[in-house]
PDB file of N, CA and C in Angstrom:
ATOM      1  N   VAL A   1       0.535   4.701  -7.245  1.00  0.00           N
ATOM      2  CA  VAL A   1       0.254   4.731  -5.825  1.00  0.00           C
ATOM      3  C   VAL A   1      -0.276   6.111  -5.490  1.00  0.00           C
ATOM      4  N   HIS A   2      -1.404   6.166  -4.792  1.00  0.00           N
ATOM      5  CA  HIS A   2      -2.004   7.447  -4.399  1.00  0.00           C
ATOM      6  C   HIS A   2      -2.292   7.445  -2.908  1.00  0.00           C
ATOM      7  N   LYS A   3      -2.074   8.569  -2.287  1.00  0.00           N
ATOM      8  CA  LYS A   3      -2.416   8.768  -0.876  1.00  0.00           C
ATOM      9  C   LYS A   3      -3.609   9.710  -0.839  1.00  0.00           C
ATOM     10  N   LEU A   4      -4.743   9.175  -0.468  1.00  0.00           N
ATOM     11  CA  LEU A   4      -5.984   9.949  -0.412  1.00  0.00           C
ATOM     12  C   LEU A   4      -6.294  10.650  -1.725  1.00  0.00           C
ATOM     13  N   GLY A   5      -5.827  10.086  -2.829  1.00  0.00           N
ATOM     14  CA  GLY A   5      -6.118  10.619  -4.140  1.00  0.00           C
ATOM     15  C   GLY A   5      -5.392  11.883  -4.523  1.00  0.00           C
ATOM     16  N   SER A   6      -4.627  12.475  -3.599  1.00  0.00           N
ATOM     17  CA  SER A   6      -4.005  13.753  -3.929  1.00  0.00           C
ATOM     18  C   SER A   6      -2.506  13.656  -4.202  1.00  0.00           C
ATOM     19  N   TYR A   7      -1.855  12.673  -3.650  1.00  0.00           N
ATOM     20  CA  TYR A   7      -0.421  12.503  -3.878  1.00  0.00           C
ATOM     21  C   TYR A   7      -0.208  11.241  -4.691  1.00  0.00           C
ATOM     22  N   GLY A   8       0.504  11.336  -5.802  1.00  0.00           N
ATOM     23  CA  GLY A   8       0.756  10.169  -6.632  1.00  0.00           C
ATOM     24  C   GLY A   8       2.240   9.919  -6.811  1.00  0.00           C
ATOM     25  N   ARG A   9       2.613   8.645  -6.852  1.00  0.00           N
ATOM     26  CA  ARG A   9       3.991   8.241  -7.088  1.00  0.00           C
ATOM     27  C   ARG A   9       3.971   6.988  -7.952  1.00  0.00           C
ATOM     28  N   SER A  10       4.988   6.844  -8.795  1.00  0.00           N
ATOM     29  CA  SER A  10       5.163   5.610  -9.556  1.00  0.00           C
ATOM     30  C   SER A  10       5.998   4.649  -8.734  1.00  0.00           C
ATOM     31  N   LEU A  11       5.725   3.361  -8.893  1.00  0.00           N
ATOM     32  CA  LEU A  11       6.421   2.354  -8.113  1.00  0.00           C
ATOM     33  C   LEU A  11       6.509   1.068  -8.922  1.00  0.00           C
ATOM     34  N   ASP A  12       7.712   0.520  -9.051  1.00  0.00           N
ATOM     35  CA  ASP A  12       7.931  -0.751  -9.743  1.00  0.00           C
ATOM     36  C   ASP A  12       7.815  -1.871  -8.719  1.00  0.00           C
ATOM     37  N   ILE A  13       6.681  -2.565  -8.695  1.00  0.00           N
ATOM     38  CA  ILE A  13       6.473  -3.576  -7.661  1.00  0.00           C
ATOM     39  C   ILE A  13       7.306  -4.832  -7.882  1.00  0.00           C
ATOM     40  N   THR A  14       7.947  -4.963  -9.036  1.00  0.00           N
ATOM     41  CA  THR A  14       8.814  -6.127  -9.242  1.00  0.00           C
ATOM     42  C   THR A  14      10.056  -6.059  -8.366  1.00  0.00           C
ATOM     43  N   ARG A  15      10.334  -4.906  -7.756  1.00  0.00           N
ATOM     44  CA  ARG A  15      11.475  -4.759  -6.839  1.00  0.00           C
ATOM     45  C   ARG A  15      11.244  -5.474  -5.513  1.00  0.00           C
ATOM     46  N   PHE A  16      10.026  -5.830  -5.216  1.00  0.00           N
ATOM     47  CA  PHE A  16       9.676  -6.373  -3.907  1.00  0.00           C
ATOM     48  C   PHE A  16       9.353  -7.858  -3.999  1.00  0.00           C
ATOM     49  N   SER A  17       9.653  -8.570  -2.918  1.00  0.00           N
ATOM     50  CA  SER A  17       9.373 -10.008  -2.898  1.00  0.00           C
ATOM     51  C   SER A  17       8.255 -10.362  -1.917  1.00  0.00           C
ATOM     52  N   SER A  18       7.670  -9.357  -1.274  1.00  0.00           N
ATOM     53  CA  SER A  18       6.588  -9.629  -0.321  1.00  0.00           C
ATOM     54  C   SER A  18       5.765  -8.363  -0.082  1.00  0.00           C
ATOM     55  N   TYR A  19       4.570  -8.565   0.478  1.00  0.00           N
ATOM     56  CA  TYR A  19       3.745  -7.421   0.854  1.00  0.00           C
ATOM     57  C   TYR A  19       4.420  -6.597   1.942  1.00  0.00           C
ATOM     58  N   HIS A  20       5.150  -7.260   2.842  1.00  0.00           N
ATOM     59  CA  HIS A  20       5.851  -6.541   3.906  1.00  0.00           C
ATOM     60  C   HIS A  20       6.841  -5.531   3.324  1.00  0.00           C
ATOM     61  N   GLU A  21       7.619  -5.953   2.318  1.00  0.00           N
ATOM     62  CA  GLU A  21       8.572  -5.036   1.679  1.00  0.00           C
ATOM     63  C   GLU A  21       7.851  -3.878   1.004  1.00  0.00           C
ATOM     64  N   LEU A  22       6.769  -4.168   0.309  1.00  0.00           N
ATOM     65  CA  LEU A  22       5.987  -3.124  -0.359  1.00  0.00           C
ATOM     66  C   LEU A  22       5.405  -2.150   0.666  1.00  0.00           C
ATOM     67  N   ARG A  23       4.828  -2.679   1.740  1.00  0.00           N
ATOM     68  CA  ARG A  23       4.252  -1.835   2.788  1.00  0.00           C
ATOM     69  C   ARG A  23       5.319  -0.922   3.394  1.00  0.00           C
ATOM     70  N   SER A  24       6.501  -1.453   3.633  1.00  0.00           N
ATOM     71  CA  SER A  24       7.592  -0.653   4.204  1.00  0.00           C
ATOM     72  C   SER A  24       8.007   0.474   3.271  1.00  0.00           C
ATOM     73  N   GLU A  25       8.097   0.183   1.976  1.00  0.00           N
ATOM     74  CA  GLU A  25       8.478   1.216   1.010  1.00  0.00           C
ATOM     75  C   GLU A  25       7.402   2.289   0.897  1.00  0.00           C
ATOM     76  N   LEU A  26       6.139   1.892   0.890  1.00  0.00           N
ATOM     77  CA  LEU A  26       5.055   2.874   0.829  1.00  0.00           C
ATOM     78  C   LEU A  26       5.070   3.772   2.061  1.00  0.00           C
ATOM     79  N   ALA A  27       5.323   3.195   3.219  1.00  0.00           N
ATOM     80  CA  ALA A  27       5.411   3.990   4.446  1.00  0.00           C
ATOM     81  C   ALA A  27       6.544   5.003   4.341  1.00  0.00           C
ATOM     82  N   ARG A  28       7.682   4.579   3.813  1.00  0.00           N
ATOM     83  CA  ARG A  28       8.819   5.480   3.654  1.00  0.00           C
ATOM     84  C   ARG A  28       8.499   6.588   2.660  1.00  0.00           C
ATOM     85  N   MET A  29       7.903   6.229   1.514  1.00  0.00           N
ATOM     86  CA  MET A  29       7.595   7.197   0.460  1.00  0.00           C
ATOM     87  C   MET A  29       6.667   8.309   0.941  1.00  0.00           C
ATOM     88  N   PHE A  30       5.711   7.943   1.763  1.00  0.00           N
ATOM     89  CA  PHE A  30       4.687   8.900   2.179  1.00  0.00           C
ATOM     90  C   PHE A  30       4.870   9.398   3.614  1.00  0.00           C
ATOM     91  N   GLY A  31       6.014   9.081   4.220  1.00  0.00           N
ATOM     92  CA  GLY A  31       6.273   9.558   5.575  1.00  0.00           C
ATOM     93  C   GLY A  31       5.341   8.965   6.620  1.00  0.00           C
ATOM     94  N   LEU A  32       5.000   7.691   6.453  1.00  0.00           N
ATOM     95  CA  LEU A  32       4.059   7.027   7.362  1.00  0.00           C
ATOM     96  C   LEU A  32       4.716   5.874   8.124  1.00  0.00           C
ATOM     97  N   GLU A  33       6.003   5.978   8.383  1.00  0.00           N
ATOM     98  CA  GLU A  33       6.714   4.904   9.061  1.00  0.00           C
ATOM     99  C   GLU A  33       6.021   4.551  10.372  1.00  0.00           C
ATOM    100  N   GLY A  34       5.796   3.251  10.571  1.00  0.00           N
ATOM    101  CA  GLY A  34       5.165   2.766  11.790  1.00  0.00           C
ATOM    102  C   GLY A  34       3.657   2.896  11.826  1.00  0.00           C
ATOM    103  N   GLN A  35       3.047   3.428  10.779  1.00  0.00           N
ATOM    104  CA  GLN A  35       1.598   3.658  10.791  1.00  0.00           C
ATOM    105  C   GLN A  35       0.806   2.680   9.937  1.00  0.00           C
ATOM    106  N   LEU A  36       1.466   1.888   9.093  1.00  0.00           N
ATOM    107  CA  LEU A  36       0.730   1.019   8.178  1.00  0.00           C
ATOM    108  C   LEU A  36       0.575  -0.408   8.691  1.00  0.00           C
ATOM    109  N   GLU A  37       1.243  -0.749   9.790  1.00  0.00           N
ATOM    110  CA  GLU A  37       1.180  -2.110  10.302  1.00  0.00           C
ATOM    111  C   GLU A  37      -0.149  -2.416  10.991  1.00  0.00           C
ATOM    112  N   ASP A  38      -0.765  -1.419  11.605  1.00  0.00           N
ATOM    113  CA  ASP A  38      -2.009  -1.613  12.345  1.00  0.00           C
ATOM    114  C   ASP A  38      -3.065  -0.617  11.862  1.00  0.00           C
ATOM    115  N   PRO A  39      -3.839  -1.000  10.821  1.00  0.00           N
ATOM    116  CA  PRO A  39      -4.808  -0.062  10.250  1.00  0.00           C
ATOM    117  C   PRO A  39      -5.901   0.370  11.227  1.00  0.00           C
ATOM    118  N   LEU A  40      -6.256  -0.465  12.184  1.00  0.00           N
ATOM    119  CA  LEU A  40      -7.293  -0.074  13.148  1.00  0.00           C
ATOM    120  C   LEU A  40      -6.803   1.047  14.055  1.00  0.00           C
ATOM    121  N   ARG A  41      -5.538   1.003  14.423  1.00  0.00           N
ATOM    122  CA  ARG A  41      -4.973   2.026  15.304  1.00  0.00           C
ATOM    123  C   ARG A  41      -4.677   3.310  14.538  1.00  0.00           C
ATOM    124  N   SER A  42      -4.119   3.161  13.319  1.00  0.00           N
ATOM    125  CA  SER A  42      -3.645   4.334  12.576  1.00  0.00           C
ATOM    126  C   SER A  42      -4.709   4.983  11.694  1.00  0.00           C
ATOM    127  N   GLY A  43      -5.697   4.190  11.264  1.00  0.00           N
ATOM    128  CA  GLY A  43      -6.694   4.708  10.335  1.00  0.00           C
ATOM    129  C   GLY A  43      -6.290   4.572   8.875  1.00  0.00           C
ATOM    130  N   TRP A  44      -5.076   4.092   8.602  1.00  0.00           N
ATOM    131  CA  TRP A  44      -4.605   3.901   7.233  1.00  0.00           C
ATOM    132  C   TRP A  44      -4.862   2.473   6.783  1.00  0.00           C
ATOM    133  N   GLN A  45      -5.326   2.307   5.540  1.00  0.00           N
ATOM    134  CA  GLN A  45      -5.550   0.984   4.970  1.00  0.00           C
ATOM    135  C   GLN A  45      -4.999   0.972   3.556  1.00  0.00           C
ATOM    136  N   LEU A  46      -4.194  -0.038   3.242  1.00  0.00           N
ATOM    137  CA  LEU A  46      -3.652  -0.166   1.891  1.00  0.00           C
ATOM    138  C   LEU A  46      -4.591  -1.021   1.059  1.00  0.00           C
ATOM    139  N   VAL A  47      -4.973  -0.505  -0.108  1.00  0.00           N
ATOM    140  CA  VAL A  47      -5.868  -1.231  -1.004  1.00  0.00           C
ATOM    141  C   VAL A  47      -5.286  -1.240  -2.410  1.00  0.00           C
ATOM    142  N   PHE A  48      -5.783  -2.181  -3.199  1.00  0.00           N
ATOM    143  CA  PHE A  48      -5.401  -2.333  -4.590  1.00  0.00           C
ATOM    144  C   PHE A  48      -6.678  -2.270  -5.416  1.00  0.00           C
ATOM    145  N   VAL A  49      -6.668  -1.489  -6.482  1.00  0.00           N
ATOM    146  CA  VAL A  49      -7.810  -1.418  -7.395  1.00  0.00           C
ATOM    147  C   VAL A  49      -7.402  -2.122  -8.677  1.00  0.00           C
ATOM    148  N   ASP A  50      -8.134  -3.200  -9.024  1.00  0.00           N
ATOM    149  CA  ASP A  50      -7.755  -3.974 -10.206  1.00  0.00           C
ATOM    150  C   ASP A  50      -8.349  -3.365 -11.480  1.00  0.00           C
ATOM    151  N   ARG A  51      -8.139  -4.036 -12.579  1.00  0.00           N
ATOM    152  CA  ARG A  51      -8.573  -3.517 -13.892  1.00  0.00           C
ATOM    153  C   ARG A  51     -10.081  -3.369 -14.010  1.00  0.00           C
ATOM    154  N   GLU A  52     -10.820  -4.129 -13.189  1.00  0.00           N
ATOM    155  CA  GLU A  52     -12.279  -4.047 -13.215  1.00  0.00           C
ATOM    156  C   GLU A  52     -12.814  -3.098 -12.143  1.00  0.00           C
ATOM    157  N   ASN A  53     -11.903  -2.302 -11.543  1.00  0.00           N
ATOM    158  CA  ASN A  53     -12.235  -1.346 -10.485  1.00  0.00           C
ATOM    159  C   ASN A  53     -12.736  -1.998  -9.203  1.00  0.00           C
ATOM    160  N   ASP A  54     -12.388  -3.287  -9.004  1.00  0.00           N
ATOM    161  CA  ASP A  54     -12.670  -3.932  -7.729  1.00  0.00           C
ATOM    162  C   ASP A  54     -11.596  -3.506  -6.741  1.00  0.00           C
ATOM    163  N   VAL A  55     -11.985  -3.211  -5.520  1.00  0.00           N
ATOM    164  CA  VAL A  55     -11.049  -2.783  -4.481  1.00  0.00           C
ATOM    165  C   VAL A  55     -10.751  -3.974  -3.578  1.00  0.00           C
ATOM    166  N   LEU A  56      -9.464  -4.302  -3.464  1.00  0.00           N
ATOM    167  CA  LEU A  56      -9.013  -5.416  -2.635  1.00  0.00           C
ATOM    168  C   LEU A  56      -8.060  -4.892  -1.574  1.00  0.00           C
ATOM    169  N   LEU A  57      -8.099  -5.479  -0.391  1.00  0.00           N
ATOM    170  CA  LEU A  57      -7.139  -5.120   0.643  1.00  0.00           C
ATOM    171  C   LEU A  57      -5.776  -5.681   0.276  1.00  0.00           C
ATOM    172  N   LEU A  58      -4.743  -4.897   0.471  1.00  0.00           N
ATOM    173  CA  LEU A  58      -3.392  -5.361   0.198  1.00  0.00           C
ATOM    174  C   LEU A  58      -3.093  -6.544   1.106  1.00  0.00           C
ATOM    175  N   GLY A  59      -2.707  -7.654   0.500  1.00  0.00           N
ATOM    176  CA  GLY A  59      -2.403  -8.863   1.252  1.00  0.00           C
ATOM    177  C   GLY A  59      -3.488  -9.914   1.174  1.00  0.00           C
ATOM    178  N   ASP A  60      -4.669  -9.564   0.637  1.00  0.00           N
ATOM    179  CA  ASP A  60      -5.742 -10.550   0.521  1.00  0.00           C
ATOM    180  C   ASP A  60      -5.409 -11.650  -0.479  1.00  0.00           C
ATOM    181  N   ASP A  61      -4.677 -11.324  -1.522  1.00  0.00           N
ATOM    182  CA  ASP A  61      -4.247 -12.311  -2.510  1.00  0.00           C
ATOM    183  C   ASP A  61      -2.799 -12.680  -2.245  1.00  0.00           C
ATOM    184  N   PRO A  62      -2.407 -13.923  -2.560  1.00  0.00           N
ATOM    185  CA  PRO A  62      -1.001 -14.308  -2.383  1.00  0.00           C
ATOM    186  C   PRO A  62      -0.089 -13.420  -3.218  1.00  0.00           C
ATOM    187  N   TRP A  63       1.106 -13.152  -2.690  1.00  0.00           N
ATOM    188  CA  TRP A  63       2.078 -12.323  -3.390  1.00  0.00           C
ATOM    189  C   TRP A  63       2.397 -12.980  -4.705  1.00  0.00           C
TER     190      TRP A  63
END
């Protein structure tokens, strides 16, 4: 997990059962509580980069 490419953390996603739980933990880890629920208002967007370097929005694929 990286925040703007400068802060990195390891995260075991098997601990979570939904994107909501993952989003909440990421907000806690990076001090962004309350800012990840509305990307248009906050300017923050959670994305996933797959093995082929395709960028997907978090939540676009089923959990």
